[in-house]
PDB file of N, CA and C in Angstrom:
ATOM      1  N   MET A   1    -102.186 177.770  31.225  1.00  0.00           N
ATOM      2  CA  MET A   1    -101.253 176.923  30.509  1.00  0.00           C
ATOM      3  C   MET A   1    -101.019 177.504  29.121  1.00  0.00           C
ATOM      4  N   ARG A   2     -99.831 177.302  28.617  1.00  0.00           N
ATOM      5  CA  ARG A   2     -99.540 177.760  27.260  1.00  0.00           C
ATOM      6  C   ARG A   2     -98.541 176.816  26.618  1.00  0.00           C
ATOM      7  N   THR A   3     -98.558 176.757  25.298  1.00  0.00           N
ATOM      8  CA  THR A   3     -97.629 175.894  24.580  1.00  0.00           C
ATOM      9  C   THR A   3     -96.483 176.721  24.046  1.00  0.00           C
ATOM     10  N   ASN A   4     -95.381 176.058  23.694  1.00  0.00           N
ATOM     11  CA  ASN A   4     -94.191 176.761  23.211  1.00  0.00           C
ATOM     12  C   ASN A   4     -94.148 176.854  21.694  1.00  0.00           C
ATOM     13  N   ASP A   5     -93.005 177.190  21.169  1.00  0.00           N
ATOM     14  CA  ASP A   5     -92.758 177.364  19.740  1.00  0.00           C
ATOM     15  C   ASP A   5     -93.189 176.136  18.941  1.00  0.00           C
ATOM     16  N   GLN A   6     -93.693 176.337  17.734  1.00  0.00           N
ATOM     17  CA  GLN A   6     -94.197 175.234  16.924  1.00  0.00           C
ATOM     18  C   GLN A   6     -93.092 174.360  16.339  1.00  0.00           C
ATOM     19  N   ASN A   7     -91.831 174.791  16.374  1.00  0.00           N
ATOM     20  CA  ASN A   7     -90.732 173.992  15.842  1.00  0.00           C
ATOM     21  C   ASN A   7     -90.369 172.826  16.755  1.00  0.00           C
ATOM     22  N   GLU A   8     -90.766 172.871  18.000  1.00  0.00           N
ATOM     23  CA  GLU A   8     -90.460 171.819  18.961  1.00  0.00           C
ATOM     24  C   GLU A   8     -91.714 170.994  19.227  1.00  0.00           C
ATOM     25  N   ALA A   9     -91.517 169.872  19.946  1.00  0.00           N
ATOM     26  CA  ALA A   9     -92.675 169.071  20.346  1.00  0.00           C
ATOM     27  C   ALA A   9     -93.597 169.948  21.185  1.00  0.00           C
ATOM     28  N   PRO A  10     -94.912 169.836  20.991  1.00  0.00           N
ATOM     29  CA  PRO A  10     -95.829 170.668  21.776  1.00  0.00           C
ATOM     30  C   PRO A  10     -95.619 170.457  23.273  1.00  0.00           C
ATOM     31  N   ARG A  11     -95.470 171.546  24.003  1.00  0.00           N
ATOM     32  CA  ARG A  11     -95.262 171.506  25.446  1.00  0.00           C
ATOM     33  C   ARG A  11     -96.316 172.360  26.115  1.00  0.00           C
ATOM     34  N   VAL A  12     -96.648 171.989  27.311  1.00  0.00           N
ATOM     35  CA  VAL A  12     -97.530 172.805  28.133  1.00  0.00           C
ATOM     36  C   VAL A  12     -96.703 173.287  29.315  1.00  0.00           C
ATOM     37  N   LYS A  13     -96.603 174.605  29.459  1.00  0.00           N
ATOM     38  CA  LYS A  13     -95.882 175.199  30.585  1.00  0.00           C
ATOM     39  C   LYS A  13     -96.913 175.783  31.534  1.00  0.00           C
ATOM     40  N   PHE A  14     -96.796 175.445  32.798  1.00  0.00           N
ATOM     41  CA  PHE A  14     -97.750 175.895  33.797  1.00  0.00           C
ATOM     42  C   PHE A  14     -97.325 177.261  34.340  1.00  0.00           C
ATOM     43  N   GLU A  15     -98.282 178.169  34.485  1.00  0.00           N
ATOM     44  CA  GLU A  15     -97.993 179.498  35.045  1.00  0.00           C
ATOM     45  C   GLU A  15     -97.378 179.345  36.435  1.00  0.00           C
ATOM     46  N   ARG A  16     -97.957 178.481  37.232  1.00  0.00           N
ATOM     47  CA  ARG A  16     -97.419 178.139  38.548  1.00  0.00           C
ATOM     48  C   ARG A  16     -97.146 176.640  38.523  1.00  0.00           C
ATOM     49  N   PRO A  17     -95.913 176.219  38.811  1.00  0.00           N
ATOM     50  CA  PRO A  17     -95.613 174.782  38.779  1.00  0.00           C
ATOM     51  C   PRO A  17     -96.594 173.992  39.658  1.00  0.00           C
ATOM     52  N   LEU A  18     -96.969 172.816  39.170  1.00  0.00           N
ATOM     53  CA  LEU A  18     -97.910 171.956  39.896  1.00  0.00           C
ATOM     54  C   LEU A  18     -97.161 171.103  40.917  1.00  0.00           C
ATOM     55  N   GLU A  19     -97.737 170.963  42.097  1.00  0.00           N
ATOM     56  CA  GLU A  19     -97.157 170.090  43.107  1.00  0.00           C
ATOM     57  C   GLU A  19     -97.385 168.637  42.706  1.00  0.00           C
ATOM     58  N   VAL A  20     -96.321 167.855  42.662  1.00  0.00           N
ATOM     59  CA  VAL A  20     -96.389 166.429  42.358  1.00  0.00           C
ATOM     60  C   VAL A  20     -95.481 165.714  43.343  1.00  0.00           C
ATOM     61  N   ARG A  21     -95.489 164.401  43.302  1.00  0.00           N
ATOM     62  CA  ARG A  21     -94.595 163.615  44.150  1.00  0.00           C
ATOM     63  C   ARG A  21     -93.766 162.695  43.269  1.00  0.00           C
ATOM     64  N   VAL A  22     -92.548 162.433  43.700  1.00  0.00           N
ATOM     65  CA  VAL A  22     -91.725 161.413  43.060  1.00  0.00           C
ATOM     66  C   VAL A  22     -91.581 160.273  44.057  1.00  0.00           C
ATOM     67  N   MET A  23     -91.548 159.042  43.557  1.00  0.00           N
ATOM     68  CA  MET A  23     -91.450 157.874  44.419  1.00  0.00           C
ATOM     69  C   MET A  23     -90.422 156.917  43.837  1.00  0.00           C
ATOM     70  N   THR A  24     -89.616 156.336  44.708  1.00  0.00           N
ATOM     71  CA  THR A  24     -88.637 155.354  44.249  1.00  0.00           C
ATOM     72  C   THR A  24     -89.361 154.188  43.594  1.00  0.00           C
ATOM     73  N   ILE A  25     -88.674 153.503  42.698  1.00  0.00           N
ATOM     74  CA  ILE A  25     -89.264 152.385  41.960  1.00  0.00           C
ATOM     75  C   ILE A  25     -89.760 151.289  42.902  1.00  0.00           C
ATOM     76  N   ASP A  26     -89.037 151.076  44.009  1.00  0.00           N
ATOM     77  CA  ASP A  26     -89.468 150.029  44.948  1.00  0.00           C
ATOM     78  C   ASP A  26     -90.534 150.514  45.928  1.00  0.00           C
ATOM     79  N   GLY A  27     -90.905 151.789  45.867  1.00  0.00           N
ATOM     80  CA  GLY A  27     -91.978 152.317  46.703  1.00  0.00           C
ATOM     81  C   GLY A  27     -91.604 152.609  48.137  1.00  0.00           C
ATOM     82  N   THR A  28     -90.328 152.587  48.468  1.00  0.00           N
ATOM     83  CA  THR A  28     -89.914 152.780  49.864  1.00  0.00           C
ATOM     84  C   THR A  28     -89.792 154.242  50.273  1.00  0.00           C
ATOM     85  N   TRP A  29     -89.792 155.159  49.322  1.00  0.00           N
ATOM     86  CA  TRP A  29     -89.625 156.577  49.642  1.00  0.00           C
ATOM     87  C   TRP A  29     -90.364 157.430  48.621  1.00  0.00           C
ATOM     88  N   SER A  30     -90.907 158.544  49.082  1.00  0.00           N
ATOM     89  CA  SER A  30     -91.476 159.518  48.154  1.00  0.00           C
ATOM     90  C   SER A  30     -91.223 160.914  48.703  1.00  0.00           C
ATOM     91  N   GLY A  31     -91.191 161.889  47.807  1.00  0.00           N
ATOM     92  CA  GLY A  31     -90.957 163.271  48.202  1.00  0.00           C
ATOM     93  C   GLY A  31     -91.663 164.228  47.268  1.00  0.00           C
ATOM     94  N   GLU A  32     -91.782 165.467  47.713  1.00  0.00           N
ATOM     95  CA  GLU A  32     -92.475 166.478  46.923  1.00  0.00           C
ATOM     96  C   GLU A  32     -91.575 167.043  45.841  1.00  0.00           C
ATOM     97  N   SER A  33     -92.183 167.400  44.728  1.00  0.00           N
ATOM     98  CA  SER A  33     -91.504 168.027  43.602  1.00  0.00           C
ATOM     99  C   SER A  33     -92.502 168.949  42.915  1.00  0.00           C
ATOM    100  N   PHE A  34     -92.024 169.648  41.881  1.00  0.00           N
ATOM    101  CA  PHE A  34     -92.886 170.548  41.132  1.00  0.00           C
ATOM    102  C   PHE A  34     -92.769 170.261  39.642  1.00  0.00           C
ATOM    103  N   LEU A  35     -93.910 170.131  38.988  1.00  0.00           N
ATOM    104  CA  LEU A  35     -93.975 169.927  37.542  1.00  0.00           C
ATOM    105  C   LEU A  35     -93.992 171.299  36.884  1.00  0.00           C
ATOM    106  N   ILE A  36     -92.950 171.587  36.090  1.00  0.00           N
ATOM    107  CA  ILE A  36     -92.805 172.893  35.455  1.00  0.00           C
ATOM    108  C   ILE A  36     -93.459 172.909  34.084  1.00  0.00           C
ATOM    109  N   ASP A  37     -93.140 171.906  33.253  1.00  0.00           N
ATOM    110  CA  ASP A  37     -93.792 171.771  31.953  1.00  0.00           C
ATOM    111  C   ASP A  37     -93.781 170.316  31.531  1.00  0.00           C
ATOM    112  N   VAL A  38     -94.585 170.017  30.490  1.00  0.00           N
ATOM    113  CA  VAL A  38     -94.768 168.630  30.079  1.00  0.00           C
ATOM    114  C   VAL A  38     -95.062 168.566  28.579  1.00  0.00           C
ATOM    115  N   SER A  39     -94.636 167.464  27.948  1.00  0.00           N
ATOM    116  CA  SER A  39     -94.986 167.186  26.552  1.00  0.00           C
ATOM    117  C   SER A  39     -95.388 165.721  26.467  1.00  0.00           C
ATOM    118  N   ASP A  40     -95.621 165.228  25.259  1.00  0.00           N
ATOM    119  CA  ASP A  40     -95.978 163.818  25.086  1.00  0.00           C
ATOM    120  C   ASP A  40     -94.842 162.879  25.470  1.00  0.00           C
ATOM    121  N   THR A  41     -93.608 163.360  25.389  1.00  0.00           N
ATOM    122  CA  THR A  41     -92.453 162.471  25.585  1.00  0.00           C
ATOM    123  C   THR A  41     -91.613 162.765  26.809  1.00  0.00           C
ATOM    124  N   ASP A  42     -91.759 163.941  27.422  1.00  0.00           N
ATOM    125  CA  ASP A  42     -90.949 164.234  28.596  1.00  0.00           C
ATOM    126  C   ASP A  42     -91.591 165.319  29.443  1.00  0.00           C
ATOM    127  N   ALA A  43     -90.939 165.586  30.575  1.00  0.00           N
ATOM    128  CA  ALA A  43     -91.422 166.617  31.488  1.00  0.00           C
ATOM    129  C   ALA A  43     -90.228 167.264  32.161  1.00  0.00           C
ATOM    130  N   GLN A  44     -90.418 168.491  32.585  1.00  0.00           N
ATOM    131  CA  GLN A  44     -89.397 169.173  33.368  1.00  0.00           C
ATOM    132  C   GLN A  44     -89.954 169.317  34.767  1.00  0.00           C
ATOM    133  N   ILE A  45     -89.218 168.748  35.742  1.00  0.00           N
ATOM    134  CA  ILE A  45     -89.644 168.830  37.131  1.00  0.00           C
ATOM    135  C   ILE A  45     -88.517 169.398  37.980  1.00  0.00           C
ATOM    136  N   ALA A  46     -88.884 170.056  39.064  1.00  0.00           N
ATOM    137  CA  ALA A  46     -87.908 170.582  40.021  1.00  0.00           C
ATOM    138  C   ALA A  46     -87.914 169.656  41.230  1.00  0.00           C
ATOM    139  N   VAL A  47     -86.763 169.071  41.526  1.00  0.00           N
ATOM    140  CA  VAL A  47     -86.635 168.156  42.665  1.00  0.00           C
ATOM    141  C   VAL A  47     -85.484 168.626  43.555  1.00  0.00           C
ATOM    142  N   THR A  48     -85.564 168.267  44.835  1.00  0.00           N
ATOM    143  CA  THR A  48     -84.499 168.607  45.770  1.00  0.00           C
ATOM    144  C   THR A  48     -84.225 167.400  46.660  1.00  0.00           C
ATOM    145  N   GLY A  49     -83.160 167.479  47.415  1.00  0.00           N
ATOM    146  CA  GLY A  49     -82.838 166.441  48.386  1.00  0.00           C
ATOM    147  C   GLY A  49     -82.630 165.079  47.752  1.00  0.00           C
ATOM    148  N   HIS A  50     -83.160 164.043  48.396  1.00  0.00           N
ATOM    149  CA  HIS A  50     -82.992 162.654  47.971  1.00  0.00           C
ATOM    150  C   HIS A  50     -83.490 162.441  46.540  1.00  0.00           C
ATOM    151  N   ALA A  51     -84.560 163.101  46.165  1.00  0.00           N
ATOM    152  CA  ALA A  51     -85.146 162.922  44.829  1.00  0.00           C
ATOM    153  C   ALA A  51     -84.179 163.337  43.726  1.00  0.00           C
ATOM    154  N   ALA A  52     -83.303 164.285  43.998  1.00  0.00           N
ATOM    155  CA  ALA A  52     -82.366 164.765  42.979  1.00  0.00           C
ATOM    156  C   ALA A  52     -81.370 163.682  42.580  1.00  0.00           C
ATOM    157  N   ALA A  53     -81.145 162.692  43.431  1.00  0.00           N
ATOM    158  CA  ALA A  53     -80.186 161.623  43.148  1.00  0.00           C
ATOM    159  C   ALA A  53     -80.807 160.456  42.379  1.00  0.00           C
ATOM    160  N   LEU A  54     -82.119 160.427  42.257  1.00  0.00           N
ATOM    161  CA  LEU A  54     -82.780 159.311  41.588  1.00  0.00           C
ATOM    162  C   LEU A  54     -82.593 159.390  40.076  1.00  0.00           C
ATOM    163  N   THR A  55     -82.250 158.258  39.457  1.00  0.00           N
ATOM    164  CA  THR A  55     -82.146 158.220  37.998  1.00  0.00           C
ATOM    165  C   THR A  55     -83.412 157.633  37.370  1.00  0.00           C
ATOM    166  N   GLU A  56     -84.147 156.857  38.155  1.00  0.00           N
ATOM    167  CA  GLU A  56     -85.405 156.268  37.690  1.00  0.00           C
ATOM    168  C   GLU A  56     -86.384 156.329  38.855  1.00  0.00           C
ATOM    169  N   PHE A  57     -87.620 156.739  38.561  1.00  0.00           N
ATOM    170  CA  PHE A  57     -88.597 156.941  39.629  1.00  0.00           C
ATOM    171  C   PHE A  57     -89.999 156.976  39.035  1.00  0.00           C
ATOM    172  N   PHE A  58     -90.991 156.945  39.909  1.00  0.00           N
ATOM    173  CA  PHE A  58     -92.379 157.153  39.508  1.00  0.00           C
ATOM    174  C   PHE A  58     -92.744 158.604  39.790  1.00  0.00           C
ATOM    175  N   LEU A  59     -93.407 159.235  38.842  1.00  0.00           N
ATOM    176  CA  LEU A  59     -93.942 160.570  39.017  1.00  0.00           C
ATOM    177  C   LEU A  59     -95.421 160.396  39.330  1.00  0.00           C
ATOM    178  N   MET A  60     -95.843 160.846  40.501  1.00  0.00           N
ATOM    179  CA  MET A  60     -97.242 160.727  40.922  1.00  0.00           C
ATOM    180  C   MET A  60     -97.933 162.054  40.624  1.00  0.00           C
ATOM    181  N   LEU A  61     -98.918 162.016  39.732  1.00  0.00           N
ATOM    182  CA  LEU A  61     -99.562 163.237  39.267  1.00  0.00           C
ATOM    183  C   LEU A  61    -100.789 163.633  40.068  1.00  0.00           C
ATOM    184  N   THR A  62    -101.294 162.764  40.931  1.00  0.00           N
ATOM    185  CA  THR A  62    -102.433 163.117  41.773  1.00  0.00           C
ATOM    186  C   THR A  62    -102.143 162.691  43.199  1.00  0.00           C
ATOM    187  N   SER A  63    -102.666 163.443  44.143  1.00  0.00           N
ATOM    188  CA  SER A  63    -102.425 163.128  45.554  1.00  0.00           C
ATOM    189  C   SER A  63    -103.691 162.671  46.259  1.00  0.00           C
ATOM    190  N   PHE A  64    -104.794 162.553  45.538  1.00  0.00           N
ATOM    191  CA  PHE A  64    -106.049 162.113  46.141  1.00  0.00           C
ATOM    192  C   PHE A  64    -106.743 161.158  45.177  1.00  0.00           C
ATOM    193  N   GLY A  65    -107.650 160.369  45.696  1.00  0.00           N
ATOM    194  CA  GLY A  65    -108.351 159.401  44.845  1.00  0.00           C
ATOM    195  C   GLY A  65    -107.381 158.369  44.297  1.00  0.00           C
ATOM    196  N   ASN A  66    -107.659 157.873  43.116  1.00  0.00           N
ATOM    197  CA  ASN A  66    -106.773 156.915  42.466  1.00  0.00           C
ATOM    198  C   ASN A  66    -105.589 157.671  41.854  1.00  0.00           C
ATOM    199  N   PRO A  67    -104.379 157.447  42.374  1.00  0.00           N
ATOM    200  CA  PRO A  67    -103.232 158.202  41.851  1.00  0.00           C
ATOM    201  C   PRO A  67    -102.860 157.790  40.433  1.00  0.00           C
ATOM    202  N   VAL A  68    -102.314 158.739  39.700  1.00  0.00           N
ATOM    203  CA  VAL A  68    -101.818 158.505  38.347  1.00  0.00           C
ATOM    204  C   VAL A  68    -100.301 158.486  38.436  1.00  0.00           C
ATOM    205  N   PHE A  69     -99.688 157.366  38.025  1.00  0.00           N
ATOM    206  CA  PHE A  69     -98.244 157.193  38.080  1.00  0.00           C
ATOM    207  C   PHE A  69     -97.680 157.152  36.665  1.00  0.00           C
ATOM    208  N   ARG A  70     -96.501 157.718  36.482  1.00  0.00           N
ATOM    209  CA  ARG A  70     -95.755 157.583  35.236  1.00  0.00           C
ATOM    210  C   ARG A  70     -94.323 157.226  35.593  1.00  0.00           C
ATOM    211  N   ARG A  71     -93.821 156.166  34.991  1.00  0.00           N
ATOM    212  CA  ARG A  71     -92.439 155.767  35.233  1.00  0.00           C
ATOM    213  C   ARG A  71     -91.526 156.698  34.450  1.00  0.00           C
ATOM    214  N   CYS A  72     -90.492 157.219  35.107  1.00  0.00           N
ATOM    215  CA  CYS A  72     -89.616 158.223  34.496  1.00  0.00           C
ATOM    216  C   CYS A  72     -88.153 157.836  34.631  1.00  0.00           C
ATOM    217  N   LYS A  73     -87.368 158.265  33.667  1.00  0.00           N
ATOM    218  CA  LYS A  73     -85.904 158.124  33.684  1.00  0.00           C
ATOM    219  C   LYS A  73     -85.329 159.500  33.484  1.00  0.00           C
ATOM    220  N   ARG A  74     -84.327 159.805  34.258  1.00  0.00           N
ATOM    221  CA  ARG A  74     -83.653 161.092  34.118  1.00  0.00           C
ATOM    222  C   ARG A  74     -82.584 160.978  33.045  1.00  0.00           C
ATOM    223  N   GLU A  75     -82.528 161.939  32.177  1.00  0.00           N
ATOM    224  CA  GLU A  75     -81.525 161.921  31.097  1.00  0.00           C
ATOM    225  C   GLU A  75     -80.604 163.110  31.201  1.00  0.00           C
TER     226      GLU A  75
END
Protein backbone atom coordinates (compact mmCIF):
# COMPACT_ATOMS: atom_id res chain seq x y z
CA MET A 1 0.00 0.00 0.00
CA ARG A 2 1.14 3.54 -0.61
CA THR A 3 -0.25 7.02 -0.11
CA ASN A 4 -0.49 9.78 -2.71
CA ASP A 5 0.66 13.40 -2.90
CA GLN A 6 0.51 15.39 0.35
CA ASN A 7 -1.60 18.17 -1.24
CA GLU A 8 -4.65 15.89 -1.37
CA ALA A 9 -6.49 13.95 1.31
CA PRO A 10 -4.35 10.97 2.35
CA ARG A 11 -5.21 7.98 0.16
CA VAL A 12 -4.14 4.39 0.23
CA LYS A 13 -3.73 2.78 -3.19
CA PHE A 14 -3.52 -0.99 -3.28
CA GLU A 15 -0.87 -2.64 -5.49
CA ARG A 16 -3.51 -5.21 -6.43
CA PRO A 17 -7.14 -4.11 -6.07
CA LEU A 18 -8.93 -5.84 -3.19
CA GLU A 19 -11.95 -8.01 -3.89
CA VAL A 20 -15.05 -6.53 -2.23
CA ARG A 21 -18.80 -6.85 -2.71
CA VAL A 22 -21.45 -4.23 -3.32
CA MET A 23 -25.00 -4.82 -2.10
CA THR A 24 -28.22 -2.98 -2.82
CA ILE A 25 -29.60 -0.94 0.08
CA ASP A 26 -32.55 -3.33 0.45
CA GLY A 27 -30.22 -6.36 0.50
CA THR A 28 -31.84 -8.13 -2.44
CA TRP A 29 -28.73 -8.27 -4.64
CA SER A 30 -24.96 -8.26 -4.29
CA GLY A 31 -22.08 -8.52 -6.73
CA GLU A 32 -18.31 -8.56 -6.86
CA SER A 33 -16.24 -5.41 -7.26
CA PHE A 34 -12.67 -4.27 -6.70
CA LEU A 35 -11.43 -1.63 -4.26
CA ILE A 36 -8.70 0.37 -6.01
CA ASP A 37 -7.96 3.05 -3.41
CA VAL A 38 -9.48 4.58 -0.30
CA SER A 39 -9.32 7.70 1.89
CA ASP A 40 -11.17 8.90 4.99
CA THR A 41 -13.96 10.36 2.86
CA ASP A 42 -14.22 8.28 -0.31
CA ALA A 43 -13.08 5.26 -2.27
CA GLN A 44 -12.49 4.31 -5.86
CA ILE A 45 -14.02 0.98 -6.82
CA ALA A 46 -14.34 -0.88 -10.12
CA VAL A 47 -17.85 -2.23 -10.71
CA THR A 48 -19.50 -3.93 -13.68
CA GLY A 49 -22.94 -5.10 -14.71
CA HIS A 50 -25.88 -4.34 -12.39
CA ALA A 51 -23.61 -2.72 -9.78
CA ALA A 52 -22.59 0.01 -12.24
CA ALA A 53 -26.18 1.32 -12.26
CA LEU A 54 -26.45 1.69 -8.48
CA THR A 55 -26.33 5.23 -7.10
CA GLU A 56 -26.46 4.15 -3.45
CA PHE A 57 -25.25 0.82 -2.07
CA PHE A 58 -23.43 -0.95 0.74
CA LEU A 59 -19.75 -1.72 0.26
CA MET A 60 -18.91 -5.00 2.02
CA LEU A 61 -15.25 -5.02 3.01
CA THR A 62 -15.04 -8.57 4.38
CA SER A 63 -16.40 -11.83 3.03
CA PHE A 64 -15.92 -13.99 6.13
CA GLY A 65 -16.74 -13.66 9.81
CA ASN A 66 -18.61 -10.52 10.80
CA PRO A 67 -18.82 -8.42 7.62
CA VAL A 68 -17.90 -4.74 7.62
CA PHE A 69 -20.41 -2.59 5.70
CA ARG A 70 -20.11 1.03 4.60
CA ARG A 71 -23.02 2.88 3.05
CA CYS A 72 -21.91 4.59 -0.17
CA LYS A 73 -23.26 7.13 -2.66
CA ARG A 74 -21.90 7.48 -6.13
CA GLU A 75 -21.03 11.03 -7.13
